């Protein structure tokens, strides 16, 4: 990728099962200049038992306590035809298409679509058959680690490694699976801990409100940022409340690209923009008083002032005690 930090705009299920809304989300993602817009691919009957209850945040955000999780997810499925249409629309809009598959058949379908990489959602981190299936495609893999401890992450990576996926093809995302995530539960330092421990690229899948934590993650070395977005936080659905609105998404992308530039190459050296100020801001050794030719330079007749076009004050000890070879007036550069 051209950019150092890959930004994934997570449309997820914020299309509410409506193709018009899904395409509007792609429009927003393209306008914000993200790298990928990501949806979710699943069949409710293969993902959840019919009696499974919704999470508390799903109950609150859908304003519906009568539907089961199964019924809620059924309404949010995207058909194969819809996937193909969205894939083509992404191409037309100049943004890359991604989707997270939540069952084995969905993974096969996404592979047939030719997606560039696969995303393991937090809930599938401990799903051995799923991990083996996703590894079989031998494509780059991004793993979310919400709800996991280090051993569970290690176990998942070991499965992928055993199936032939190398560390340089794995990106581990720190994540918290609460929507929205309380700031005090972010624990962003764990992102770096995983990157160092497992020698993989790392990033952050952000479920907090606002954009600050994603920006902080980039400043701390994240290679990938994933963030949910929506057309309107007030829409009915499980994830809208913890998603960015269009302007916020654009602001986040702008901020990340600025931080990306600001991080620089890591060498400490004068930048092109500041070199012109070097002579103005630095100082030189100058005459504090009139100094006759042949007199000794002393602590009493020398001082340090701008500009920095003369002898550097770092050579003070070398100058003090030597003789003046000419006459100096006050403020003359030595």
C-alpha atoms as a PDB file:
ATOM      1  CA  UNK A   1       0.000   0.000   0.000  1.00  0.00           C
ATOM      2  CA  UNK A   2       1.087   3.589  -0.658  1.00  0.00           C
ATOM      3  CA  UNK A   3       0.300   4.644   2.912  1.00  0.00           C
ATOM      4  CA  UNK A   4       2.201   3.456   5.968  1.00  0.00           C
ATOM      5  CA  UNK A   5      -0.981   3.058   8.018  1.00  0.00           C
ATOM      6  CA  UNK A   6      -3.824   1.053   6.520  1.00  0.00           C
ATOM      7  CA  UNK A   7      -7.210   2.560   7.418  1.00  0.00           C
ATOM      8  CA  UNK A   8     -10.162   0.191   7.342  1.00  0.00           C
ATOM      9  CA  UNK A   9     -13.551   1.889   7.530  1.00  0.00           C
ATOM     10  CA  UNK A  10     -15.842  -0.700   9.083  1.00  0.00           C
ATOM     11  CA  UNK A  11     -19.301  -0.393   7.534  1.00  0.00           C
ATOM     12  CA  UNK A  12     -20.086  -3.728   9.131  1.00  0.00           C
ATOM     13  CA  UNK A  13     -23.843  -4.139   9.406  1.00  0.00           C
ATOM     14  CA  UNK A  14     -24.567  -0.392   9.478  1.00  0.00           C
ATOM     15  CA  UNK A  15     -26.273  -0.777   6.088  1.00  0.00           C
ATOM     16  CA  UNK A  16     -29.243  -2.273   7.982  1.00  0.00           C
ATOM     17  CA  UNK A  17     -29.692  -4.790   5.155  1.00  0.00           C
ATOM     18  CA  UNK A  18     -30.388  -2.013   2.645  1.00  0.00           C
ATOM     19  CA  UNK A  19     -28.300  -1.753  -0.533  1.00  0.00           C
ATOM     20  CA  UNK A  20     -28.932   1.948  -0.956  1.00  0.00           C
ATOM     21  CA  UNK A  21     -27.533   2.584   2.511  1.00  0.00           C
ATOM     22  CA  UNK A  22     -24.612   0.227   1.836  1.00  0.00           C
ATOM     23  CA  UNK A  23     -23.644   2.197  -1.268  1.00  0.00           C
ATOM     24  CA  UNK A  24     -23.960   5.487   0.594  1.00  0.00           C
ATOM     25  CA  UNK A  25     -21.526   4.091   3.159  1.00  0.00           C
ATOM     26  CA  UNK A  26     -19.085   3.293   0.349  1.00  0.00           C
ATOM     27  CA  UNK A  27     -19.496   6.854  -0.924  1.00  0.00           C
ATOM     28  CA  UNK A  28     -18.595   8.192   2.518  1.00  0.00           C
ATOM     29  CA  UNK A  29     -15.574   5.872   2.823  1.00  0.00           C
ATOM     30  CA  UNK A  30     -14.289   6.846  -0.623  1.00  0.00           C
ATOM     31  CA  UNK A  31     -14.777  10.542   0.113  1.00  0.00           C
ATOM     32  CA  UNK A  32     -12.795  10.150   3.356  1.00  0.00           C
ATOM     33  CA  UNK A  33      -9.994   8.453   1.368  1.00  0.00           C
ATOM     34  CA  UNK A  34      -9.733   5.333   3.503  1.00  0.00           C
ATOM     35  CA  UNK A  35      -7.869   2.313   2.163  1.00  0.00           C
ATOM     36  CA  UNK A  36     -10.623  -0.268   2.648  1.00  0.00           C
ATOM     37  CA  UNK A  37     -14.335  -0.297   3.373  1.00  0.00           C
ATOM     38  CA  UNK A  38     -15.297  -3.495   5.184  1.00  0.00           C
ATOM     39  CA  UNK A  39     -18.612  -5.271   5.492  1.00  0.00           C
ATOM     40  CA  UNK A  40     -19.614  -8.515   7.255  1.00  0.00           C
ATOM     41  CA  UNK A  41     -20.420 -11.791   5.533  1.00  0.00           C
ATOM     42  CA  UNK A  42     -22.507 -14.397   7.342  1.00  0.00           C
ATOM     43  CA  UNK A  43     -25.596 -16.531   7.384  1.00  0.00           C
ATOM     44  CA  UNK A  44     -27.410 -16.172  10.687  1.00  0.00           C
ATOM     45  CA  UNK A  45     -28.304 -19.863  10.781  1.00  0.00           C
ATOM     46  CA  UNK A  46     -24.617 -20.788  10.553  1.00  0.00           C
ATOM     47  CA  UNK A  47     -23.455 -18.147  12.999  1.00  0.00           C
ATOM     48  CA  UNK A  48     -25.729 -18.368  16.023  1.00  0.00           C
ATOM     49  CA  UNK A  49     -28.259 -20.733  17.602  1.00  0.00           C
ATOM     50  CA  UNK A  50     -31.823 -19.491  17.402  1.00  0.00           C
ATOM     51  CA  UNK A  51     -32.143 -19.130  21.169  1.00  0.00           C
ATOM     52  CA  UNK A  52     -29.007 -16.951  21.603  1.00  0.00           C
ATOM     53  CA  UNK A  53     -29.709 -13.628  23.287  1.00  0.00           C
ATOM     54  CA  UNK A  54     -28.424 -10.275  22.139  1.00  0.00           C
ATOM     55  CA  UNK A  55     -25.600  -8.527  23.969  1.00  0.00           C
ATOM     56  CA  UNK A  56     -26.634  -5.666  26.228  1.00  0.00           C
ATOM     57  CA  UNK A  57     -25.302  -3.055  23.786  1.00  0.00           C
ATOM     58  CA  UNK A  58     -27.281  -4.728  20.966  1.00  0.00           C
ATOM     59  CA  UNK A  59     -30.479  -4.579  23.006  1.00  0.00           C
ATOM     60  CA  UNK A  60     -29.918  -0.941  23.838  1.00  0.00           C
ATOM     61  CA  UNK A  61     -28.917   0.156  20.343  1.00  0.00           C
ATOM     62  CA  UNK A  62     -31.654  -1.722  18.481  1.00  0.00           C
ATOM     63  CA  UNK A  63     -34.329  -0.561  20.929  1.00  0.00           C
ATOM     64  CA  UNK A  64     -35.776  -4.048  20.560  1.00  0.00           C
ATOM     65  CA  UNK A  65     -35.766  -6.594  23.379  1.00  0.00           C
ATOM     66  CA  UNK A  66     -38.121  -9.058  21.715  1.00  0.00           C
ATOM     67  CA  UNK A  67     -35.936 -10.127  18.761  1.00  0.00           C
ATOM     68  CA  UNK A  68     -33.290 -12.759  19.436  1.00  0.00           C
ATOM     69  CA  UNK A  69     -29.732 -12.299  18.196  1.00  0.00           C
ATOM     70  CA  UNK A  70     -30.620 -14.751  15.407  1.00  0.00           C
ATOM     71  CA  UNK A  71     -33.569 -12.648  14.262  1.00  0.00           C
ATOM     72  CA  UNK A  72     -31.535  -9.449  14.417  1.00  0.00           C
ATOM     73  CA  UNK A  73     -28.706 -10.917  12.333  1.00  0.00           C
ATOM     74  CA  UNK A  74     -31.078 -12.393   9.739  1.00  0.00           C
ATOM     75  CA  UNK A  75     -32.192  -8.867   8.877  1.00  0.00           C
ATOM     76  CA  UNK A  76     -28.578  -7.784   8.389  1.00  0.00           C
ATOM     77  CA  UNK A  77     -27.413 -10.503   5.991  1.00  0.00           C
ATOM     78  CA  UNK A  78     -25.994  -9.561   2.594  1.00  0.00           C
ATOM     79  CA  UNK A  79     -26.740 -11.993  -0.237  1.00  0.00           C
ATOM     80  CA  UNK A  80     -24.089 -13.163  -2.697  1.00  0.00           C
ATOM     81  CA  UNK A  81     -25.618 -10.918  -5.336  1.00  0.00           C
ATOM     82  CA  UNK A  82     -25.386  -7.943  -2.993  1.00  0.00           C
ATOM     83  CA  UNK A  83     -21.718  -8.737  -2.293  1.00  0.00           C
ATOM     84  CA  UNK A  84     -20.915  -8.753  -5.999  1.00  0.00           C
ATOM     85  CA  UNK A  85     -22.718  -5.473  -6.497  1.00  0.00           C
ATOM     86  CA  UNK A  86     -20.902  -3.845  -3.574  1.00  0.00           C
ATOM     87  CA  UNK A  87     -17.546  -5.156  -4.778  1.00  0.00           C
ATOM     88  CA  UNK A  88     -18.075  -3.575  -8.189  1.00  0.00           C
ATOM     89  CA  UNK A  89     -19.323  -0.358  -6.644  1.00  0.00           C
ATOM     90  CA  UNK A  90     -16.171  -0.138  -4.519  1.00  0.00           C
ATOM     91  CA  UNK A  91     -14.076  -0.495  -7.677  1.00  0.00           C
ATOM     92  CA  UNK A  92     -16.054   2.288  -9.323  1.00  0.00           C
ATOM     93  CA  UNK A  93     -15.547   4.537  -6.291  1.00  0.00           C
ATOM     94  CA  UNK A  94     -11.825   3.821  -5.966  1.00  0.00           C
ATOM     95  CA  UNK A  95     -11.859   2.198  -2.531  1.00  0.00           C
ATOM     96  CA  UNK A  96     -10.885  -1.400  -1.779  1.00  0.00           C
ATOM     97  CA  UNK A  97     -13.561  -3.888  -0.681  1.00  0.00           C
ATOM     98  CA  UNK A  98     -13.169  -6.124   2.356  1.00  0.00           C
ATOM     99  CA  UNK A  99     -15.539  -8.220   4.389  1.00  0.00           C
ATOM    100  CA  UNK A 100     -15.243 -10.304   7.534  1.00  0.00           C
ATOM    101  CA  UNK A 101     -16.543 -13.837   7.137  1.00  0.00           C
ATOM    102  CA  UNK A 102     -18.135 -15.361  10.229  1.00  0.00           C
ATOM    103  CA  UNK A 103     -18.541 -18.978   9.075  1.00  0.00           C
ATOM    104  CA  UNK A 104     -16.644 -21.432   6.899  1.00  0.00           C
ATOM    105  CA  UNK A 105     -18.906 -21.136   3.860  1.00  0.00           C
ATOM    106  CA  UNK A 106     -18.662 -17.362   4.012  1.00  0.00           C
ATOM    107  CA  UNK A 107     -14.872 -17.605   4.038  1.00  0.00           C
ATOM    108  CA  UNK A 108     -14.954 -19.770   0.898  1.00  0.00           C
ATOM    109  CA  UNK A 109     -17.250 -17.283  -0.791  1.00  0.00           C
ATOM    110  CA  UNK A 110     -15.003 -14.325   0.066  1.00  0.00           C
ATOM    111  CA  UNK A 111     -12.011 -16.208  -1.294  1.00  0.00           C
ATOM    112  CA  UNK A 112     -13.921 -16.763  -4.543  1.00  0.00           C
ATOM    113  CA  UNK A 113     -14.514 -13.008  -4.677  1.00  0.00           C
ATOM    114  CA  UNK A 114     -10.731 -12.562  -4.671  1.00  0.00           C
ATOM    115  CA  UNK A 115     -10.396 -10.345  -1.605  1.00  0.00           C
ATOM    116  CA  UNK A 116      -6.800  -9.362  -0.827  1.00  0.00           C
ATOM    117  CA  UNK A 117      -6.702 -10.329   2.829  1.00  0.00           C
ATOM    118  CA  UNK A 118      -8.837 -11.946   5.494  1.00  0.00           C
ATOM    119  CA  UNK A 119     -10.033 -10.539   8.798  1.00  0.00           C
ATOM    120  CA  UNK A 120     -10.507 -12.721  11.883  1.00  0.00           C
ATOM    121  CA  UNK A 121     -13.118 -11.077  14.142  1.00  0.00           C
ATOM    122  CA  UNK A 122     -12.601 -11.200  17.896  1.00  0.00           C
ATOM    123  CA  UNK A 123     -15.315 -13.789  18.375  1.00  0.00           C
ATOM    124  CA  UNK A 124     -13.557 -16.306  16.104  1.00  0.00           C
ATOM    125  CA  UNK A 125     -10.116 -16.031  17.741  1.00  0.00           C
ATOM    126  CA  UNK A 126     -10.708 -19.300  19.616  1.00  0.00           C
ATOM    127  CA  UNK A 127     -12.408 -21.116  16.700  1.00  0.00           C
ATOM    128  CA  UNK A 128      -9.888 -23.755  15.590  1.00  0.00           C
ATOM    129  CA  UNK A 129     -11.721 -24.962  12.426  1.00  0.00           C
ATOM    130  CA  UNK A 130     -12.230 -21.336  11.390  1.00  0.00           C
ATOM    131  CA  UNK A 131      -8.550 -20.480  11.874  1.00  0.00           C
ATOM    132  CA  UNK A 132      -7.455 -23.498   9.854  1.00  0.00           C
ATOM    133  CA  UNK A 133      -9.841 -22.581   7.046  1.00  0.00           C
ATOM    134  CA  UNK A 134      -8.703 -18.949   6.895  1.00  0.00           C
ATOM    135  CA  UNK A 135      -5.055 -20.050   6.917  1.00  0.00           C
ATOM    136  CA  UNK A 136      -5.665 -22.373   3.965  1.00  0.00           C
ATOM    137  CA  UNK A 137      -6.091 -19.420   1.594  1.00  0.00           C
ATOM    138  CA  UNK A 138      -2.472 -18.349   2.215  1.00  0.00           C
ATOM    139  CA  UNK A 139      -3.333 -14.660   2.127  1.00  0.00           C
ATOM    140  CA  UNK A 140      -2.496 -11.890   4.613  1.00  0.00           C
ATOM    141  CA  UNK A 141      -4.544 -12.143   7.795  1.00  0.00           C
ATOM    142  CA  UNK A 142      -5.656  -9.420  10.216  1.00  0.00           C
ATOM    143  CA  UNK A 143      -6.724 -10.640  13.647  1.00  0.00           C
ATOM    144  CA  UNK A 144      -8.840  -8.755  16.174  1.00  0.00           C
ATOM    145  CA  UNK A 145      -8.164  -9.769  19.764  1.00  0.00           C
ATOM    146  CA  UNK A 146     -11.100  -8.418  21.758  1.00  0.00           C
ATOM    147  CA  UNK A 147     -11.846 -10.367  24.964  1.00  0.00           C
ATOM    148  CA  UNK A 148      -8.569 -12.316  24.619  1.00  0.00           C
ATOM    149  CA  UNK A 149      -5.560 -12.790  26.874  1.00  0.00           C
ATOM    150  CA  UNK A 150      -2.008 -13.299  25.657  1.00  0.00           C
ATOM    151  CA  UNK A 151      -2.221 -17.085  25.708  1.00  0.00           C
ATOM    152  CA  UNK A 152      -5.315 -17.102  23.514  1.00  0.00           C
ATOM    153  CA  UNK A 153      -3.624 -14.798  21.020  1.00  0.00           C
ATOM    154  CA  UNK A 154      -0.516 -16.994  21.127  1.00  0.00           C
ATOM    155  CA  UNK A 155      -2.614 -20.129  20.558  1.00  0.00           C
ATOM    156  CA  UNK A 156      -4.346 -18.572  17.532  1.00  0.00           C
ATOM    157  CA  UNK A 157      -1.054 -17.470  16.004  1.00  0.00           C
ATOM    158  CA  UNK A 158       0.401 -20.929  16.554  1.00  0.00           C
ATOM    159  CA  UNK A 159      -2.512 -22.449  14.617  1.00  0.00           C
ATOM    160  CA  UNK A 160      -1.897 -20.072  11.714  1.00  0.00           C
ATOM    161  CA  UNK A 161       1.846 -20.759  11.810  1.00  0.00           C
ATOM    162  CA  UNK A 162       1.270 -24.516  11.810  1.00  0.00           C
ATOM    163  CA  UNK A 163      -0.875 -24.067   8.712  1.00  0.00           C
ATOM    164  CA  UNK A 164       1.903 -22.231   6.900  1.00  0.00           C
ATOM    165  CA  UNK A 165       1.052 -18.582   7.545  1.00  0.00           C
ATOM    166  CA  UNK A 166       4.243 -16.650   8.319  1.00  0.00           C
ATOM    167  CA  UNK A 167       4.530 -13.801  10.828  1.00  0.00           C
ATOM    168  CA  UNK A 168       5.047 -11.187   8.103  1.00  0.00           C
ATOM    169  CA  UNK A 169       1.586 -12.055   6.745  1.00  0.00           C
ATOM    170  CA  UNK A 170      -0.148 -11.509  10.088  1.00  0.00           C
ATOM    171  CA  UNK A 171      -1.330  -8.259  11.658  1.00  0.00           C
ATOM    172  CA  UNK A 172      -2.666  -8.395  15.216  1.00  0.00           C
ATOM    173  CA  UNK A 173      -5.153  -5.723  16.252  1.00  0.00           C
ATOM    174  CA  UNK A 174      -5.620  -4.788  19.879  1.00  0.00           C
ATOM    175  CA  UNK A 175      -9.353  -4.472  20.467  1.00  0.00           C
ATOM    176  CA  UNK A 176     -11.987  -4.200  23.160  1.00  0.00           C
ATOM    177  CA  UNK A 177     -15.329  -5.835  22.401  1.00  0.00           C
ATOM    178  CA  UNK A 178     -17.617  -3.378  24.117  1.00  0.00           C
ATOM    179  CA  UNK A 179     -19.575  -0.884  22.016  1.00  0.00           C
ATOM    180  CA  UNK A 180     -18.646   1.816  22.857  1.00  0.00           C
ATOM    181  CA  UNK A 181     -15.474   0.983  24.764  1.00  0.00           C
ATOM    182  CA  UNK A 182     -14.966   2.985  27.984  1.00  0.00           C
ATOM    183  CA  UNK A 183     -11.734   4.981  27.766  1.00  0.00           C
ATOM    184  CA  UNK A 184     -10.431   3.442  30.987  1.00  0.00           C
ATOM    185  CA  UNK A 185     -10.713  -0.021  29.392  1.00  0.00           C
ATOM    186  CA  UNK A 186      -8.751   0.748  26.211  1.00  0.00           C
ATOM    187  CA  UNK A 187      -5.335  -0.367  27.554  1.00  0.00           C
ATOM    188  CA  UNK A 188      -3.624   0.822  24.385  1.00  0.00           C
ATOM    189  CA  UNK A 189      -0.179  -0.224  25.600  1.00  0.00           C
ATOM    190  CA  UNK A 190      -1.274  -3.844  25.128  1.00  0.00           C
ATOM    191  CA  UNK A 191      -1.090  -3.201  21.372  1.00  0.00           C
ATOM    192  CA  UNK A 192       2.663  -2.667  21.575  1.00  0.00           C
ATOM    193  CA  UNK A 193       3.059  -5.556  24.003  1.00  0.00           C
ATOM    194  CA  UNK A 194       1.548  -7.953  21.455  1.00  0.00           C
ATOM    195  CA  UNK A 195       3.580  -6.553  18.591  1.00  0.00           C
ATOM    196  CA  UNK A 196       6.811  -7.041  20.503  1.00  0.00           C
ATOM    197  CA  UNK A 197       5.877 -10.407  21.985  1.00  0.00           C
ATOM    198  CA  UNK A 198       4.761 -11.999  18.718  1.00  0.00           C
ATOM    199  CA  UNK A 199       7.001 -10.134  16.231  1.00  0.00           C
ATOM    200  CA  UNK A 200       4.065  -9.188  14.004  1.00  0.00           C
ATOM    201  CA  UNK A 201       2.633  -6.013  12.528  1.00  0.00           C
ATOM    202  CA  UNK A 202       0.111  -4.539  14.913  1.00  0.00           C
ATOM    203  CA  UNK A 203      -2.721  -2.065  15.016  1.00  0.00           C
ATOM    204  CA  UNK A 204      -5.939  -1.117  16.730  1.00  0.00           C
ATOM    205  CA  UNK A 205      -9.593  -1.896  16.100  1.00  0.00           C
ATOM    206  CA  UNK A 206     -11.303   1.032  17.758  1.00  0.00           C
ATOM    207  CA  UNK A 207     -14.725   0.875  19.389  1.00  0.00           C
ATOM    208  CA  UNK A 208     -14.352   4.023  21.502  1.00  0.00           C
ATOM    209  CA  UNK A 209     -16.338   7.151  20.822  1.00  0.00           C
ATOM    210  CA  UNK A 210     -14.453   9.798  18.860  1.00  0.00           C
ATOM    211  CA  UNK A 211     -11.121   9.597  17.079  1.00  0.00           C
ATOM    212  CA  UNK A 212      -8.500  10.321  19.760  1.00  0.00           C
ATOM    213  CA  UNK A 213      -7.559   6.733  20.541  1.00  0.00           C
ATOM    214  CA  UNK A 214      -7.098   5.783  16.885  1.00  0.00           C
ATOM    215  CA  UNK A 215      -4.782   8.766  16.442  1.00  0.00           C
ATOM    216  CA  UNK A 216      -2.866   7.813  19.592  1.00  0.00           C
ATOM    217  CA  UNK A 217      -2.519   4.255  18.272  1.00  0.00           C
ATOM    218  CA  UNK A 218      -0.901   5.559  15.088  1.00  0.00           C
ATOM    219  CA  UNK A 219       1.496   7.666  17.155  1.00  0.00           C
ATOM    220  CA  UNK A 220       2.380   4.482  19.063  1.00  0.00           C
ATOM    221  CA  UNK A 221       3.241   2.614  15.861  1.00  0.00           C
ATOM    222  CA  UNK A 222       0.001   1.054  14.631  1.00  0.00           C
ATOM    223  CA  UNK A 223       0.194  -0.292  11.063  1.00  0.00           C
ATOM    224  CA  UNK A 224      -3.584  -0.770  10.748  1.00  0.00           C
ATOM    225  CA  UNK A 225      -6.534   1.184  12.136  1.00  0.00           C
ATOM    226  CA  UNK A 226     -10.054  -0.182  11.910  1.00  0.00           C
ATOM    227  CA  UNK A 227     -12.989   2.011  12.879  1.00  0.00           C
ATOM    228  CA  UNK A 228     -16.762   1.619  12.548  1.00  0.00           C
ATOM    229  CA  UNK A 229     -18.614   4.360  10.712  1.00  0.00           C
ATOM    230  CA  UNK A 230     -22.207   5.143   9.905  1.00  0.00           C
ATOM    231  CA  UNK A 231     -24.328   7.655   8.068  1.00  0.00           C
ATOM    232  CA  UNK A 232     -26.032   8.750  11.302  1.00  0.00           C
ATOM    233  CA  UNK A 233     -25.470   7.716  14.927  1.00  0.00           C
ATOM    234  CA  UNK A 234     -29.212   7.896  15.550  1.00  0.00           C
ATOM    235  CA  UNK A 235     -30.088   5.147  13.086  1.00  0.00           C
ATOM    236  CA  UNK A 236     -31.509   1.944  14.546  1.00  0.00           C
ATOM    237  CA  UNK A 237     -29.057  -0.948  14.619  1.00  0.00           C
ATOM    238  CA  UNK A 238     -26.520  -2.646  16.892  1.00  0.00           C
ATOM    239  CA  UNK A 239     -23.388  -0.695  15.924  1.00  0.00           C
ATOM    240  CA  UNK A 240     -24.491   2.824  14.919  1.00  0.00           C
ATOM    241  CA  UNK A 241     -23.997   4.365  18.362  1.00  0.00           C
ATOM    242  CA  UNK A 242     -20.309   3.372  18.522  1.00  0.00           C
ATOM    243  CA  UNK A 243     -19.578   4.484  14.946  1.00  0.00           C
ATOM    244  CA  UNK A 244     -18.152   7.656  13.442  1.00  0.00           C
ATOM    245  CA  UNK A 245     -20.362   9.916  11.367  1.00  0.00           C
ATOM    246  CA  UNK A 246     -19.054  10.966   7.909  1.00  0.00           C
ATOM    247  CA  UNK A 247     -17.278  14.177   8.980  1.00  0.00           C
ATOM    248  CA  UNK A 248     -15.639  12.397  11.912  1.00  0.00           C
ATOM    249  CA  UNK A 249     -14.350   9.652   9.610  1.00  0.00           C
ATOM    250  CA  UNK A 250     -12.840  12.247   7.292  1.00  0.00           C
ATOM    251  CA  UNK A 251     -11.298  14.077  10.273  1.00  0.00           C
ATOM    252  CA  UNK A 252      -9.802  10.828  11.539  1.00  0.00           C
ATOM    253  CA  UNK A 253      -8.224  10.016   8.173  1.00  0.00           C
ATOM    254  CA  UNK A 254      -6.773  13.532   7.906  1.00  0.00           C
ATOM    255  CA  UNK A 255      -5.360  13.328  11.432  1.00  0.00           C
ATOM    256  CA  UNK A 256      -3.842   9.879  10.843  1.00  0.00           C
ATOM    257  CA  UNK A 257      -2.177  10.989   7.607  1.00  0.00           C
ATOM    258  CA  UNK A 258      -0.762  14.035   9.418  1.00  0.00           C
ATOM    259  CA  UNK A 259       0.575  11.888  12.264  1.00  0.00           C
ATOM    260  CA  UNK A 260       1.978   9.486   9.682  1.00  0.00           C
ATOM    261  CA  UNK A 261       3.978  12.327   8.133  1.00  0.00           C
ATOM    262  CA  UNK A 262       4.943  13.741  11.522  1.00  0.00           C
ATOM    263  CA  UNK A 263       6.474  10.440  12.669  1.00  0.00           C
ATOM    264  CA  UNK A 264       9.109  10.851   9.963  1.00  0.00           C
ATOM    265  CA  UNK A 265      12.202   8.768   9.263  1.00  0.00           C
ATOM    266  CA  UNK A 266      13.507   8.616  12.823  1.00  0.00           C
ATOM    267  CA  UNK A 267      16.927  10.178  12.226  1.00  0.00           C
ATOM    268  CA  UNK A 268      17.654  13.267  14.333  1.00  0.00           C
ATOM    269  CA  UNK A 269      18.789  15.900  11.870  1.00  0.00           C
ATOM    270  CA  UNK A 270      17.727  19.410  10.818  1.00  0.00           C
ATOM    271  CA  UNK A 271      14.642  19.374   8.639  1.00  0.00           C
ATOM    272  CA  UNK A 272      14.566  21.296   5.326  1.00  0.00           C
ATOM    273  CA  UNK A 273      12.063  23.789   6.740  1.00  0.00           C
ATOM    274  CA  UNK A 274      14.167  24.772   9.770  1.00  0.00           C
ATOM    275  CA  UNK A 275      17.660  24.994   8.281  1.00  0.00           C
ATOM    276  CA  UNK A 276      17.049  28.603   7.227  1.00  0.00           C
ATOM    277  CA  UNK A 277      16.454  29.528  10.890  1.00  0.00           C
ATOM    278  CA  UNK A 278      19.660  27.979  12.171  1.00  0.00           C
ATOM    279  CA  UNK A 279      21.826  31.076  11.818  1.00  0.00           C
ATOM    280  CA  UNK A 280      19.084  33.313  13.207  1.00  0.00           C
ATOM    281  CA  UNK A 281      18.221  31.298  16.327  1.00  0.00           C
ATOM    282  CA  UNK A 282      21.691  30.120  17.331  1.00  0.00           C
ATOM    283  CA  UNK A 283      24.429  32.259  18.838  1.00  0.00           C
ATOM    284  CA  UNK A 284      28.096  33.123  18.291  1.00  0.00           C
ATOM    285  CA  UNK A 285      30.968  34.347  20.429  1.00  0.00           C
ATOM    286  CA  UNK A 286      31.022  38.149  20.270  1.00  0.00           C
ATOM    287  CA  UNK A 287      32.921  41.003  21.890  1.00  0.00           C
ATOM    288  CA  UNK A 288      31.294  42.111  25.138  1.00  0.00           C
ATOM    289  CA  UNK A 289      33.371  45.273  25.210  1.00  0.00           C
ATOM    290  CA  UNK A 290      35.945  46.969  23.003  1.00  0.00           C
ATOM    291  CA  UNK A 291      38.937  44.621  22.637  1.00  0.00           C
ATOM    292  CA  UNK A 292      42.288  45.997  21.423  1.00  0.00           C
ATOM    293  CA  UNK A 293      44.491  44.051  19.035  1.00  0.00           C
ATOM    294  CA  UNK A 294      46.882  41.794  20.967  1.00  0.00           C
ATOM    295  CA  UNK A 295      44.686  41.651  24.093  1.00  0.00           C
ATOM    296  CA  UNK A 296      43.697  38.306  25.549  1.00  0.00           C
ATOM    297  CA  UNK A 297      40.157  37.072  25.099  1.00  0.00           C
ATOM    298  CA  UNK A 298      38.717  36.583  28.585  1.00  0.00           C
ATOM    299  CA  UNK A 299      35.479  35.612  30.318  1.00  0.00           C
ATOM    300  CA  UNK A 300      35.043  39.338  30.976  1.00  0.00           C
ATOM    301  CA  UNK A 301      35.405  40.718  27.452  1.00  0.00           C
ATOM    302  CA  UNK A 302      33.527  37.988  25.584  1.00  0.00           C
ATOM    303  CA  UNK A 303      29.865  37.062  25.550  1.00  0.00           C
ATOM    304  CA  UNK A 304      27.415  35.032  23.472  1.00  0.00           C
ATOM    305  CA  UNK A 305      24.706  36.557  21.253  1.00  0.00           C
ATOM    306  CA  UNK A 306      22.764  35.954  18.088  1.00  0.00           C
ATOM    307  CA  UNK A 307      23.227  35.428  15.146  1.00  0.00           C
ATOM    308  CA  UNK A 308      24.913  32.071  14.793  1.00  0.00           C
ATOM    309  CA  UNK A 309      27.070  33.032  11.820  1.00  0.00           C
ATOM    310  CA  UNK A 310      30.331  33.280  13.787  1.00  0.00           C
ATOM    311  CA  UNK A 311      32.264  30.941  16.059  1.00  0.00           C
ATOM    312  CA  UNK A 312      30.053  28.527  17.981  1.00  0.00           C
ATOM    313  CA  UNK A 313      29.838  29.033  21.768  1.00  0.00           C
ATOM    314  CA  UNK A 314      30.769  25.352  22.016  1.00  0.00           C
ATOM    315  CA  UNK A 315      34.337  26.541  21.184  1.00  0.00           C
ATOM    316  CA  UNK A 316      34.341  28.991  24.124  1.00  0.00           C
ATOM    317  CA  UNK A 317      37.152  27.224  25.953  1.00  0.00           C
ATOM    318  CA  UNK A 318      39.303  27.211  22.821  1.00  0.00           C
ATOM    319  CA  UNK A 319      38.895  30.992  22.333  1.00  0.00           C
ATOM    320  CA  UNK A 320      39.321  32.191  25.937  1.00  0.00           C
ATOM    321  CA  UNK A 321      43.008  32.803  26.635  1.00  0.00           C
ATOM    322  CA  UNK A 322      44.018  33.446  23.021  1.00  0.00           C
ATOM    323  CA  UNK A 323      45.071  36.854  21.658  1.00  0.00           C
ATOM    324  CA  UNK A 324      42.974  39.114  19.481  1.00  0.00           C
ATOM    325  CA  UNK A 325      44.550  39.454  16.029  1.00  0.00           C
ATOM    326  CA  UNK A 326      42.604  42.640  15.365  1.00  0.00           C
ATOM    327  CA  UNK A 327      40.619  45.264  17.212  1.00  0.00           C
ATOM    328  CA  UNK A 328      36.981  44.471  18.046  1.00  0.00           C
ATOM    329  CA  UNK A 329      34.154  46.823  18.917  1.00  0.00           C
ATOM    330  CA  UNK A 330      31.316  45.746  21.203  1.00  0.00           C
ATOM    331  CA  UNK A 331      29.048  43.135  19.541  1.00  0.00           C
ATOM    332  CA  UNK A 332      31.556  42.310  16.808  1.00  0.00           C
ATOM    333  CA  UNK A 333      31.644  38.619  15.944  1.00  0.00           C
ATOM    334  CA  UNK A 334      34.969  37.094  16.972  1.00  0.00           C
END
